[in-house]
Amino acid sequence: MKKVVIFAFRGDSMCFIHVLLYGIELSQNGIDTRIVLEGESTKLIPELYNENGPLFNLAQKALKLNLFEGVCKACSTMMGTIEDAKKRSFNILSDMSGHAGMARFINEGFEVITF
């Protein structure tokens, strides 16, 4: 089985919509897909649950498909969203000096895509 992990760094909704679209598409086509929120994308955590926001419907699909691997501890702390992440039961990733590392994914056979 093919494996892909998408590391999202950018904090704008337009870019993140594509992270969600690609994640859903890959998953629905039999590819083991994960999404990691890193950098500024961690500020979007509350928007994933905003029923009136542009990310909500796609985020709900991604959540149902269990696509979210987790969020970066250092960046979500810096962006002020770590408590939101914990409240929503996101994995807090910190295996690379407080950030979400890529090595474990590569060692597990994942292709890394960054946005």
PDB file of N, CA and C in Angstrom:
ATOM      1  N   MET A   1       0.843  -1.183   0.000  1.00  0.00           N
ATOM      2  CA  MET A   1       0.000   0.000   0.000  1.00  0.00           C
ATOM      3  C   MET A   1       0.886   1.243   0.000  1.00  0.00           C
ATOM      4  N   LYS A   2       0.516   2.196  -0.810  1.00  0.00           N
ATOM      5  CA  LYS A   2       1.230   3.471  -0.834  1.00  0.00           C
ATOM      6  C   LYS A   2       0.875   4.265   0.416  1.00  0.00           C
ATOM      7  N   LYS A   3       1.847   5.073   0.864  1.00  0.00           N
ATOM      8  CA  LYS A   3       1.658   5.881   2.063  1.00  0.00           C
ATOM      9  C   LYS A   3       2.134   7.302   1.786  1.00  0.00           C
ATOM     10  N   VAL A   4       1.329   8.274   2.229  1.00  0.00           N
ATOM     11  CA  VAL A   4       1.660   9.688   2.052  1.00  0.00           C
ATOM     12  C   VAL A   4       1.366  10.430   3.345  1.00  0.00           C
ATOM     13  N   VAL A   5       2.285  11.284   3.741  1.00  0.00           N
ATOM     14  CA  VAL A   5       2.026  12.204   4.846  1.00  0.00           C
ATOM     15  C   VAL A   5       2.168  13.619   4.298  1.00  0.00           C
ATOM     16  N   ILE A   6       1.159  14.423   4.557  1.00  0.00           N
ATOM     17  CA  ILE A   6       1.166  15.821   4.122  1.00  0.00           C
ATOM     18  C   ILE A   6       1.490  16.697   5.320  1.00  0.00           C
ATOM     19  N   PHE A   7       2.608  17.408   5.245  1.00  0.00           N
ATOM     20  CA  PHE A   7       2.977  18.379   6.262  1.00  0.00           C
ATOM     21  C   PHE A   7       2.489  19.747   5.798  1.00  0.00           C
ATOM     22  N   ALA A   8       1.545  20.316   6.539  1.00  0.00           N
ATOM     23  CA  ALA A   8       0.992  21.633   6.213  1.00  0.00           C
ATOM     24  C   ALA A   8       1.689  22.681   7.070  1.00  0.00           C
ATOM     25  N   PHE A   9       2.309  23.655   6.424  1.00  0.00           N
ATOM     26  CA  PHE A   9       3.021  24.713   7.137  1.00  0.00           C
ATOM     27  C   PHE A   9       2.304  26.063   7.034  1.00  0.00           C
ATOM     28  N   ARG A  10       1.678  26.326   5.909  1.00  0.00           N
ATOM     29  CA  ARG A  10       1.089  27.647   5.665  1.00  0.00           C
ATOM     30  C   ARG A  10      -0.206  27.823   6.433  1.00  0.00           C
ATOM     31  N   GLY A  11      -0.441  29.044   6.863  1.00  0.00           N
ATOM     32  CA  GLY A  11      -1.592  29.324   7.705  1.00  0.00           C
ATOM     33  C   GLY A  11      -2.765  29.956   7.008  1.00  0.00           C
ATOM     34  N   ASP A  12      -2.785  29.943   5.675  1.00  0.00           N
ATOM     35  CA  ASP A  12      -3.938  30.538   5.008  1.00  0.00           C
ATOM     36  C   ASP A  12      -4.939  29.454   4.611  1.00  0.00           C
ATOM     37  N   SER A  13      -6.200  29.791   4.727  1.00  0.00           N
ATOM     38  CA  SER A  13      -7.276  28.828   4.486  1.00  0.00           C
ATOM     39  C   SER A  13      -7.260  28.266   3.076  1.00  0.00           C
ATOM     40  N   MET A  14      -6.964  29.105   2.077  1.00  0.00           N
ATOM     41  CA  MET A  14      -6.983  28.654   0.687  1.00  0.00           C
ATOM     42  C   MET A  14      -5.992  27.513   0.471  1.00  0.00           C
ATOM     43  N   CYS A  15      -4.818  27.636   1.025  1.00  0.00           N
ATOM     44  CA  CYS A  15      -3.825  26.570   0.907  1.00  0.00           C
ATOM     45  C   CYS A  15      -4.292  25.332   1.677  1.00  0.00           C
ATOM     46  N   PHE A  16      -4.807  25.532   2.874  1.00  0.00           N
ATOM     47  CA  PHE A  16      -5.191  24.392   3.703  1.00  0.00           C
ATOM     48  C   PHE A  16      -6.389  23.636   3.132  1.00  0.00           C
ATOM     49  N   ILE A  17      -7.263  24.336   2.424  1.00  0.00           N
ATOM     50  CA  ILE A  17      -8.362  23.648   1.740  1.00  0.00           C
ATOM     51  C   ILE A  17      -7.787  22.590   0.802  1.00  0.00           C
ATOM     52  N   HIS A  18      -6.701  22.922   0.130  1.00  0.00           N
ATOM     53  CA  HIS A  18      -6.088  21.966  -0.794  1.00  0.00           C
ATOM     54  C   HIS A  18      -5.426  20.804  -0.040  1.00  0.00           C
ATOM     55  N   VAL A  19      -4.869  21.080   1.115  1.00  0.00           N
ATOM     56  CA  VAL A  19      -4.336  19.996   1.953  1.00  0.00           C
ATOM     57  C   VAL A  19      -5.459  19.005   2.261  1.00  0.00           C
ATOM     58  N   LEU A  20      -6.604  19.531   2.652  1.00  0.00           N
ATOM     59  CA  LEU A  20      -7.750  18.676   2.973  1.00  0.00           C
ATOM     60  C   LEU A  20      -8.257  17.940   1.735  1.00  0.00           C
ATOM     61  N   LEU A  21      -8.402  18.655   0.621  1.00  0.00           N
ATOM     62  CA  LEU A  21      -8.880  18.027  -0.617  1.00  0.00           C
ATOM     63  C   LEU A  21      -7.968  16.887  -1.055  1.00  0.00           C
ATOM     64  N   TYR A  22      -6.650  17.156  -1.083  1.00  0.00           N
ATOM     65  CA  TYR A  22      -5.710  16.118  -1.504  1.00  0.00           C
ATOM     66  C   TYR A  22      -5.695  14.957  -0.504  1.00  0.00           C
ATOM     67  N   GLY A  23      -5.736  15.273   0.771  1.00  0.00           N
ATOM     68  CA  GLY A  23      -5.749  14.214   1.779  1.00  0.00           C
ATOM     69  C   GLY A  23      -6.948  13.298   1.621  1.00  0.00           C
ATOM     70  N   ILE A  24      -8.112  13.890   1.418  1.00  0.00           N
ATOM     71  CA  ILE A  24      -9.338  13.113   1.237  1.00  0.00           C
ATOM     72  C   ILE A  24      -9.254  12.291  -0.049  1.00  0.00           C
ATOM     73  N   GLU A  25      -8.824  12.929  -1.138  1.00  0.00           N
ATOM     74  CA  GLU A  25      -8.720  12.226  -2.420  1.00  0.00           C
ATOM     75  C   GLU A  25      -7.776  11.027  -2.330  1.00  0.00           C
ATOM     76  N   LEU A  26      -6.601  11.246  -1.759  1.00  0.00           N
ATOM     77  CA  LEU A  26      -5.633  10.161  -1.639  1.00  0.00           C
ATOM     78  C   LEU A  26      -6.204   9.009  -0.813  1.00  0.00           C
ATOM     79  N   SER A  27      -6.802   9.342   0.320  1.00  0.00           N
ATOM     80  CA  SER A  27      -7.375   8.327   1.197  1.00  0.00           C
ATOM     81  C   SER A  27      -8.476   7.540   0.495  1.00  0.00           C
ATOM     82  N   GLN A  28      -9.339   8.243  -0.210  1.00  0.00           N
ATOM     83  CA  GLN A  28     -10.449   7.582  -0.886  1.00  0.00           C
ATOM     84  C   GLN A  28      -9.990   6.739  -2.077  1.00  0.00           C
ATOM     85  N   ASN A  29      -8.732   6.897  -2.467  1.00  0.00           N
ATOM     86  CA  ASN A  29      -8.166   6.101  -3.550  1.00  0.00           C
ATOM     87  C   ASN A  29      -7.198   5.039  -3.037  1.00  0.00           C
ATOM     88  N   GLY A  30      -7.369   4.671  -1.771  1.00  0.00           N
ATOM     89  CA  GLY A  30      -6.642   3.540  -1.216  1.00  0.00           C
ATOM     90  C   GLY A  30      -5.221   3.828  -0.760  1.00  0.00           C
ATOM     91  N   ILE A  31      -4.875   5.096  -0.610  1.00  0.00           N
ATOM     92  CA  ILE A  31      -3.534   5.468  -0.160  1.00  0.00           C
ATOM     93  C   ILE A  31      -3.605   5.814   1.322  1.00  0.00           C
ATOM     94  N   ASP A  32      -2.740   5.196   2.123  1.00  0.00           N
ATOM     95  CA  ASP A  32      -2.665   5.487   3.558  1.00  0.00           C
ATOM     96  C   ASP A  32      -2.172   6.928   3.697  1.00  0.00           C
ATOM     97  N   THR A  33      -3.047   7.817   4.153  1.00  0.00           N
ATOM     98  CA  THR A  33      -2.772   9.253   4.148  1.00  0.00           C
ATOM     99  C   THR A  33      -2.859   9.834   5.538  1.00  0.00           C
ATOM    100  N   ARG A  34      -1.901  10.693   5.867  1.00  0.00           N
ATOM    101  CA  ARG A  34      -1.879  11.407   7.151  1.00  0.00           C
ATOM    102  C   ARG A  34      -1.643  12.885   6.880  1.00  0.00           C
ATOM    103  N   ILE A  35      -2.149  13.715   7.776  1.00  0.00           N
ATOM    104  CA  ILE A  35      -1.919  15.159   7.716  1.00  0.00           C
ATOM    105  C   ILE A  35      -1.308  15.599   9.035  1.00  0.00           C
ATOM    106  N   VAL A  36      -0.226  16.378   8.943  1.00  0.00           N
ATOM    107  CA  VAL A  36       0.437  16.944  10.112  1.00  0.00           C
ATOM    108  C   VAL A  36       0.365  18.460  10.000  1.00  0.00           C
ATOM    109  N   LEU A  37      -0.115  19.104  11.062  1.00  0.00           N
ATOM    110  CA  LEU A  37      -0.152  20.559  11.105  1.00  0.00           C
ATOM    111  C   LEU A  37       1.130  21.056  11.752  1.00  0.00           C
ATOM    112  N   GLU A  38       1.879  21.819  11.015  1.00  0.00           N
ATOM    113  CA  GLU A  38       3.154  22.396  11.439  1.00  0.00           C
ATOM    114  C   GLU A  38       3.105  23.895  11.183  1.00  0.00           C
ATOM    115  N   GLY A  39       4.058  24.613  11.743  1.00  0.00           N
ATOM    116  CA  GLY A  39       4.192  26.040  11.446  1.00  0.00           C
ATOM    117  C   GLY A  39       2.906  26.808  11.659  1.00  0.00           C
ATOM    118  N   GLU A  40       2.655  27.757  10.752  1.00  0.00           N
ATOM    119  CA  GLU A  40       1.480  28.622  10.868  1.00  0.00           C
ATOM    120  C   GLU A  40       0.160  27.889  10.686  1.00  0.00           C
ATOM    121  N   SER A  41       0.178  26.712  10.077  1.00  0.00           N
ATOM    122  CA  SER A  41      -1.097  26.001   9.887  1.00  0.00           C
ATOM    123  C   SER A  41      -1.740  25.648  11.221  1.00  0.00           C
ATOM    124  N   THR A  42      -0.948  25.588  12.295  1.00  0.00           N
ATOM    125  CA  THR A  42      -1.515  25.251  13.600  1.00  0.00           C
ATOM    126  C   THR A  42      -2.499  26.311  14.086  1.00  0.00           C
ATOM    127  N   LYS A  43      -2.410  27.521  13.547  1.00  0.00           N
ATOM    128  CA  LYS A  43      -3.365  28.565  13.950  1.00  0.00           C
ATOM    129  C   LYS A  43      -4.761  28.292  13.401  1.00  0.00           C
ATOM    130  N   LEU A  44      -4.869  27.359  12.437  1.00  0.00           N
ATOM    131  CA  LEU A  44      -6.154  27.051  11.820  1.00  0.00           C
ATOM    132  C   LEU A  44      -6.983  26.028  12.601  1.00  0.00           C
ATOM    133  N   ILE A  45      -6.440  25.488  13.663  1.00  0.00           N
ATOM    134  CA  ILE A  45      -7.159  24.447  14.412  1.00  0.00           C
ATOM    135  C   ILE A  45      -8.581  24.872  14.777  1.00  0.00           C
ATOM    136  N   PRO A  46      -8.796  26.063  15.343  1.00  0.00           N
ATOM    137  CA  PRO A  46     -10.184  26.447  15.652  1.00  0.00           C
ATOM    138  C   PRO A  46     -11.071  26.527  14.412  1.00  0.00           C
ATOM    139  N   GLU A  47     -10.482  26.889  13.267  1.00  0.00           N
ATOM    140  CA  GLU A  47     -11.261  27.012  12.035  1.00  0.00           C
ATOM    141  C   GLU A  47     -11.768  25.674  11.513  1.00  0.00           C
ATOM    142  N   LEU A  48     -11.109  24.587  11.897  1.00  0.00           N
ATOM    143  CA  LEU A  48     -11.558  23.267  11.472  1.00  0.00           C
ATOM    144  C   LEU A  48     -12.920  22.926  12.064  1.00  0.00           C
ATOM    145  N   TYR A  49     -13.279  23.605  13.153  1.00  0.00           N
ATOM    146  CA  TYR A  49     -14.521  23.333  13.873  1.00  0.00           C
ATOM    147  C   TYR A  49     -15.532  24.475  13.792  1.00  0.00           C
ATOM    148  N   ASN A  50     -15.202  25.512  13.024  1.00  0.00           N
ATOM    149  CA  ASN A  50     -16.094  26.650  12.850  1.00  0.00           C
ATOM    150  C   ASN A  50     -17.121  26.307  11.775  1.00  0.00           C
ATOM    151  N   GLU A  51     -18.360  26.028  12.182  1.00  0.00           N
ATOM    152  CA  GLU A  51     -19.398  25.589  11.253  1.00  0.00           C
ATOM    153  C   GLU A  51     -19.680  26.591  10.147  1.00  0.00           C
ATOM    154  N   ASN A  52     -19.340  27.844  10.350  1.00  0.00           N
ATOM    155  CA  ASN A  52     -19.573  28.873   9.344  1.00  0.00           C
ATOM    156  C   ASN A  52     -18.331  29.177   8.509  1.00  0.00           C
ATOM    157  N   GLY A  53     -17.244  28.480   8.778  1.00  0.00           N
ATOM    158  CA  GLY A  53     -15.990  28.757   8.092  1.00  0.00           C
ATOM    159  C   GLY A  53     -15.790  27.898   6.851  1.00  0.00           C
ATOM    160  N   PRO A  54     -14.849  28.306   6.010  1.00  0.00           N
ATOM    161  CA  PRO A  54     -14.617  27.599   4.744  1.00  0.00           C
ATOM    162  C   PRO A  54     -13.970  26.218   4.894  1.00  0.00           C
ATOM    163  N   LEU A  55     -13.383  25.916   6.037  1.00  0.00           N
ATOM    164  CA  LEU A  55     -12.699  24.639   6.220  1.00  0.00           C
ATOM    165  C   LEU A  55     -13.586  23.550   6.814  1.00  0.00           C
ATOM    166  N   PHE A  56     -14.691  23.937   7.395  1.00  0.00           N
ATOM    167  CA  PHE A  56     -15.485  23.032   8.221  1.00  0.00           C
ATOM    168  C   PHE A  56     -15.884  21.733   7.524  1.00  0.00           C
ATOM    169  N   ASN A  57     -16.550  21.809   6.382  1.00  0.00           N
ATOM    170  CA  ASN A  57     -17.068  20.595   5.736  1.00  0.00           C
ATOM    171  C   ASN A  57     -15.950  19.630   5.352  1.00  0.00           C
ATOM    172  N   LEU A  58     -14.885  20.160   4.758  1.00  0.00           N
ATOM    173  CA  LEU A  58     -13.765  19.295   4.383  1.00  0.00           C
ATOM    174  C   LEU A  58     -13.056  18.752   5.622  1.00  0.00           C
ATOM    175  N   ALA A  59     -12.921  19.582   6.643  1.00  0.00           N
ATOM    176  CA  ALA A  59     -12.269  19.139   7.880  1.00  0.00           C
ATOM    177  C   ALA A  59     -13.057  18.002   8.517  1.00  0.00           C
ATOM    178  N   GLN A  60     -14.371  18.108   8.484  1.00  0.00           N
ATOM    179  CA  GLN A  60     -15.200  17.036   9.052  1.00  0.00           C
ATOM    180  C   GLN A  60     -15.005  15.727   8.290  1.00  0.00           C
ATOM    181  N   LYS A  61     -14.889  15.803   6.966  1.00  0.00           N
ATOM    182  CA  LYS A  61     -14.615  14.597   6.172  1.00  0.00           C
ATOM    183  C   LYS A  61     -13.258  14.013   6.545  1.00  0.00           C
ATOM    184  N   ALA A  62     -12.256  14.893   6.653  1.00  0.00           N
ATOM    185  CA  ALA A  62     -10.901  14.446   6.998  1.00  0.00           C
ATOM    186  C   ALA A  62     -10.874  13.826   8.392  1.00  0.00           C
ATOM    187  N   LEU A  63     -11.608  14.403   9.325  1.00  0.00           N
ATOM    188  CA  LEU A  63     -11.672  13.847  10.670  1.00  0.00           C
ATOM    189  C   LEU A  63     -12.321  12.467  10.655  1.00  0.00           C
ATOM    190  N   LYS A  64     -13.402  12.309   9.896  1.00  0.00           N
ATOM    191  CA  LYS A  64     -14.074  11.008   9.814  1.00  0.00           C
ATOM    192  C   LYS A  64     -13.173   9.945   9.202  1.00  0.00           C
ATOM    193  N   LEU A  65     -12.279  10.377   8.311  1.00  0.00           N
ATOM    194  CA  LEU A  65     -11.332   9.450   7.686  1.00  0.00           C
ATOM    195  C   LEU A  65     -10.070   9.247   8.530  1.00  0.00           C
ATOM    196  N   ASN A  66     -10.013   9.910   9.695  1.00  0.00           N
ATOM    197  CA  ASN A  66      -8.847   9.823  10.591  1.00  0.00           C
ATOM    198  C   ASN A  66      -7.543  10.231   9.909  1.00  0.00           C
ATOM    199  N   LEU A  67      -7.585  11.301   9.134  1.00  0.00           N
ATOM    200  CA  LEU A  67      -6.411  11.735   8.383  1.00  0.00           C
ATOM    201  C   LEU A  67      -5.422  12.537   9.222  1.00  0.00           C
ATOM    202  N   PHE A  68      -5.887  13.167  10.283  1.00  0.00           N
ATOM    203  CA  PHE A  68      -4.999  14.034  11.063  1.00  0.00           C
ATOM    204  C   PHE A  68      -4.103  13.206  11.981  1.00  0.00           C
ATOM    205  N   GLU A  69      -2.816  13.247  11.683  1.00  0.00           N
ATOM    206  CA  GLU A  69      -1.840  12.553  12.517  1.00  0.00           C
ATOM    207  C   GLU A  69      -1.563  13.344  13.794  1.00  0.00           C
ATOM    208  N   GLY A  70      -1.555  14.666  13.690  1.00  0.00           N
ATOM    209  CA  GLY A  70      -1.315  15.487  14.866  1.00  0.00           C
ATOM    210  C   GLY A  70      -0.841  16.875  14.522  1.00  0.00           C
ATOM    211  N   VAL A  71      -0.492  17.603  15.590  1.00  0.00           N
ATOM    212  CA  VAL A  71      -0.039  18.989  15.449  1.00  0.00           C
ATOM    213  C   VAL A  71       1.293  19.176  16.166  1.00  0.00           C
ATOM    214  N   CYS A  72       2.070  20.088  15.650  1.00  0.00           N
ATOM    215  CA  CYS A  72       3.372  20.412  16.231  1.00  0.00           C
ATOM    216  C   CYS A  72       3.194  21.098  17.585  1.00  0.00           C
ATOM    217  N   LYS A  73       3.872  20.577  18.579  1.00  0.00           N
ATOM    218  CA  LYS A  73       3.787  21.142  19.918  1.00  0.00           C
ATOM    219  C   LYS A  73       4.340  22.562  19.964  1.00  0.00           C
ATOM    220  N   ALA A  74       5.540  22.767  19.433  1.00  0.00           N
ATOM    221  CA  ALA A  74       6.176  24.092  19.512  1.00  0.00           C
ATOM    222  C   ALA A  74       5.376  25.139  18.752  1.00  0.00           C
ATOM    223  N   CYS A  75       4.925  24.793  17.559  1.00  0.00           N
ATOM    224  CA  CYS A  75       4.223  25.783  16.741  1.00  0.00           C
ATOM    225  C   CYS A  75       2.819  26.080  17.254  1.00  0.00           C
ATOM    226  N   SER A  76       2.113  25.054  17.721  1.00  0.00           N
ATOM    227  CA  SER A  76       0.782  25.307  18.262  1.00  0.00           C
ATOM    228  C   SER A  76       0.873  26.107  19.558  1.00  0.00           C
ATOM    229  N   THR A  77       1.960  25.917  20.293  1.00  0.00           N
ATOM    230  CA  THR A  77       2.183  26.742  21.486  1.00  0.00           C
ATOM    231  C   THR A  77       2.413  28.192  21.063  1.00  0.00           C
ATOM    232  N   MET A  78       3.265  28.393  20.061  1.00  0.00           N
ATOM    233  CA  MET A  78       3.571  29.742  19.571  1.00  0.00           C
ATOM    234  C   MET A  78       2.338  30.425  18.983  1.00  0.00           C
ATOM    235  N   MET A  79       1.488  29.658  18.313  1.00  0.00           N
ATOM    236  CA  MET A  79       0.288  30.215  17.679  1.00  0.00           C
ATOM    237  C   MET A  79      -0.888  30.320  18.647  1.00  0.00           C
ATOM    238  N   GLY A  80      -0.716  29.823  19.866  1.00  0.00           N
ATOM    239  CA  GLY A  80      -1.767  29.927  20.873  1.00  0.00           C
ATOM    240  C   GLY A  80      -2.913  28.944  20.699  1.00  0.00           C
ATOM    241  N   THR A  81      -2.659  27.829  20.013  1.00  0.00           N
ATOM    242  CA  THR A  81      -3.738  26.876  19.760  1.00  0.00           C
ATOM    243  C   THR A  81      -3.501  25.494  20.369  1.00  0.00           C
ATOM    244  N   ILE A  82      -2.478  25.363  21.182  1.00  0.00           N
ATOM    245  CA  ILE A  82      -2.195  24.034  21.736  1.00  0.00           C
ATOM    246  C   ILE A  82      -3.338  23.529  22.619  1.00  0.00           C
ATOM    247  N   GLU A  83      -3.972  24.420  23.358  1.00  0.00           N
ATOM    248  CA  GLU A  83      -5.096  23.987  24.199  1.00  0.00           C
ATOM    249  C   GLU A  83      -6.279  23.556  23.342  1.00  0.00           C
ATOM    250  N   ASP A  84      -6.513  24.256  22.218  1.00  0.00           N
ATOM    251  CA  ASP A  84      -7.554  23.825  21.274  1.00  0.00           C
ATOM    252  C   ASP A  84      -7.231  22.432  20.742  1.00  0.00           C
ATOM    253  N   ALA A  85      -5.968  22.210  20.395  1.00  0.00           N
ATOM    254  CA  ALA A  85      -5.547  20.905  19.866  1.00  0.00           C
ATOM    255  C   ALA A  85      -5.773  19.808  20.893  1.00  0.00           C
ATOM    256  N   LYS A  86      -5.398  20.074  22.139  1.00  0.00           N
ATOM    257  CA  LYS A  86      -5.595  19.079  23.198  1.00  0.00           C
ATOM    258  C   LYS A  86      -7.079  18.824  23.438  1.00  0.00           C
ATOM    259  N   LYS A  87      -7.873  19.897  23.462  1.00  0.00           N
ATOM    260  CA  LYS A  87      -9.311  19.783  23.688  1.00  0.00           C
ATOM    261  C   LYS A  87      -9.976  18.930  22.608  1.00  0.00           C
ATOM    262  N   ARG A  88      -9.455  19.014  21.394  1.00  0.00           N
ATOM    263  CA  ARG A  88     -10.003  18.263  20.253  1.00  0.00           C
ATOM    264  C   ARG A  88      -9.330  16.906  20.073  1.00  0.00           C
ATOM    265  N   SER A  89      -8.498  16.536  21.040  1.00  0.00           N
ATOM    266  CA  SER A  89      -7.824  15.222  21.070  1.00  0.00           C
ATOM    267  C   SER A  89      -6.854  14.984  19.909  1.00  0.00           C
ATOM    268  N   PHE A  90      -6.239  16.061  19.410  1.00  0.00           N
ATOM    269  CA  PHE A  90      -5.175  15.900  18.421  1.00  0.00           C
ATOM    270  C   PHE A  90      -3.939  15.344  19.119  1.00  0.00           C
ATOM    271  N   ASN A  91      -3.193  14.503  18.423  1.00  0.00           N
ATOM    272  CA  ASN A  91      -1.882  14.092  18.926  1.00  0.00           C
ATOM    273  C   ASN A  91      -0.968  15.312  18.916  1.00  0.00           C
ATOM    274  N   ILE A  92      -0.243  15.503  19.997  1.00  0.00           N
ATOM    275  CA  ILE A  92       0.728  16.594  20.085  1.00  0.00           C
ATOM    276  C   ILE A  92       2.086  15.992  19.732  1.00  0.00           C
ATOM    277  N   LEU A  93       2.643  16.435  18.623  1.00  0.00           N
ATOM    278  CA  LEU A  93       3.880  15.862  18.090  1.00  0.00           C
ATOM    279  C   LEU A  93       5.077  16.736  18.460  1.00  0.00           C
ATOM    280  N   SER A  94       6.115  16.096  19.005  1.00  0.00           N
ATOM    281  CA  SER A  94       7.275  16.871  19.468  1.00  0.00           C
ATOM    282  C   SER A  94       8.578  16.088  19.370  1.00  0.00           C
ATOM    283  N   ASP A  95       8.628  15.101  18.492  1.00  0.00           N
ATOM    284  CA  ASP A  95       9.770  14.196  18.448  1.00  0.00           C
ATOM    285  C   ASP A  95      11.032  14.789  17.808  1.00  0.00           C
ATOM    286  N   MET A  96      10.974  16.015  17.276  1.00  0.00           N
ATOM    287  CA  MET A  96      12.138  16.652  16.677  1.00  0.00           C
ATOM    288  C   MET A  96      12.352  18.014  17.355  1.00  0.00           C
ATOM    289  N   SER A  97      13.011  17.996  18.489  1.00  0.00           N
ATOM    290  CA  SER A  97      13.291  19.232  19.240  1.00  0.00           C
ATOM    291  C   SER A  97      12.027  20.054  19.481  1.00  0.00           C
ATOM    292  N   GLY A  98      10.947  19.379  19.846  1.00  0.00           N
ATOM    293  CA  GLY A  98       9.691  20.055  20.137  1.00  0.00           C
ATOM    294  C   GLY A  98       8.781  20.222  18.935  1.00  0.00           C
ATOM    295  N   HIS A  99       9.248  19.861  17.745  1.00  0.00           N
ATOM    296  CA  HIS A  99       8.466  19.952  16.509  1.00  0.00           C
ATOM    297  C   HIS A  99       8.108  18.553  16.021  1.00  0.00           C
ATOM    298  N   ALA A 100       7.242  18.491  15.024  1.00  0.00           N
ATOM    299  CA  ALA A 100       6.849  17.207  14.432  1.00  0.00           C
ATOM    300  C   ALA A 100       7.925  16.767  13.446  1.00  0.00           C
ATOM    301  N   GLY A 101       8.571  15.662  13.739  1.00  0.00           N
ATOM    302  CA  GLY A 101       9.628  15.168  12.867  1.00  0.00           C
ATOM    303  C   GLY A 101       9.093  14.414  11.665  1.00  0.00           C
ATOM    304  N   MET A 102       9.930  14.341  10.632  1.00  0.00           N
ATOM    305  CA  MET A 102       9.589  13.608   9.416  1.00  0.00           C
ATOM    306  C   MET A 102      10.238  12.229   9.354  1.00  0.00           C
ATOM    307  N   ALA A 103      11.322  12.035  10.084  1.00  0.00           N
ATOM    308  CA  ALA A 103      12.110  10.800   9.965  1.00  0.00           C
ATOM    309  C   ALA A 103      11.279   9.552  10.215  1.00  0.00           C
ATOM    310  N   ARG A 104      10.426   9.579  11.228  1.00  0.00           N
ATOM    311  CA  ARG A 104       9.637   8.388  11.543  1.00  0.00           C
ATOM    312  C   ARG A 104       8.729   8.014  10.388  1.00  0.00           C
ATOM    313  N   PHE A 105       8.169   9.017   9.718  1.00  0.00           N
ATOM    314  CA  PHE A 105       7.300   8.734   8.574  1.00  0.00           C
ATOM    315  C   PHE A 105       8.091   8.115   7.428  1.00  0.00           C
ATOM    316  N   ILE A 106       9.247   8.680   7.152  1.00  0.00           N
ATOM    317  CA  ILE A 106      10.093   8.146   6.083  1.00  0.00           C
ATOM    318  C   ILE A 106      10.521   6.722   6.422  1.00  0.00           C
ATOM    319  N   ASN A 107      10.896   6.488   7.672  1.00  0.00           N
ATOM    320  CA  ASN A 107      11.282   5.142   8.099  1.00  0.00           C
ATOM    321  C   ASN A 107      10.131   4.146   8.008  1.00  0.00           C
ATOM    322  N   GLU A 108       8.895   4.644   8.074  1.00  0.00           N
ATOM    323  CA  GLU A 108       7.716   3.781   7.954  1.00  0.00           C
ATOM    324  C   GLU A 108       7.220   3.680   6.520  1.00  0.00           C
ATOM    325  N   GLY A 109       7.987   4.255   5.573  1.00  0.00           N
ATOM    326  CA  GLY A 109       7.641   4.125   4.162  1.00  0.00           C
ATOM    327  C   GLY A 109       6.723   5.177   3.589  1.00  0.00           C
ATOM    328  N   PHE A 110       6.506   6.273   4.308  1.00  0.00           N
ATOM    329  CA  PHE A 110       5.653   7.344   3.810  1.00  0.00           C
ATOM    330  C   PHE A 110       6.432   8.264   2.867  1.00  0.00           C
ATOM    331  N   GLU A 111       5.755   8.711   1.833  1.00  0.00           N
ATOM    332  CA  GLU A 111       6.250   9.806   1.000  1.00  0.00           C
ATOM    333  C   GLU A 111       5.814  11.091   1.693  1.00  0.00           C
ATOM    334  N   VAL A 112       6.719  12.059   1.817  1.00  0.00           N
ATOM    335  CA  VAL A 112       6.416  13.328   2.486  1.00  0.00           C
ATOM    336  C   VAL A 112       6.096  14.389   1.435  1.00  0.00           C
ATOM    337  N   ILE A 113       4.932  15.020   1.606  1.00  0.00           N
ATOM    338  CA  ILE A 113       4.534  16.146   0.770  1.00  0.00           C
ATOM    339  C   ILE A 113       4.376  17.350   1.679  1.00  0.00           C
ATOM    340  N   THR A 114       4.915  18.489   1.271  1.00  0.00           N
ATOM    341  CA  THR A 114       4.800  19.692   2.101  1.00  0.00           C
ATOM    342  C   THR A 114       3.994  20.757   1.382  1.00  0.00           C
ATOM    343  N   PHE A 115       3.216  21.477   2.158  1.00  0.00           N
ATOM    344  CA  PHE A 115       2.436  22.623   1.687  1.00  0.00           C
ATOM    345  C   PHE A 115       2.795  23.818   2.528  1.00  0.00           C
TER     346      PHE A 115
END
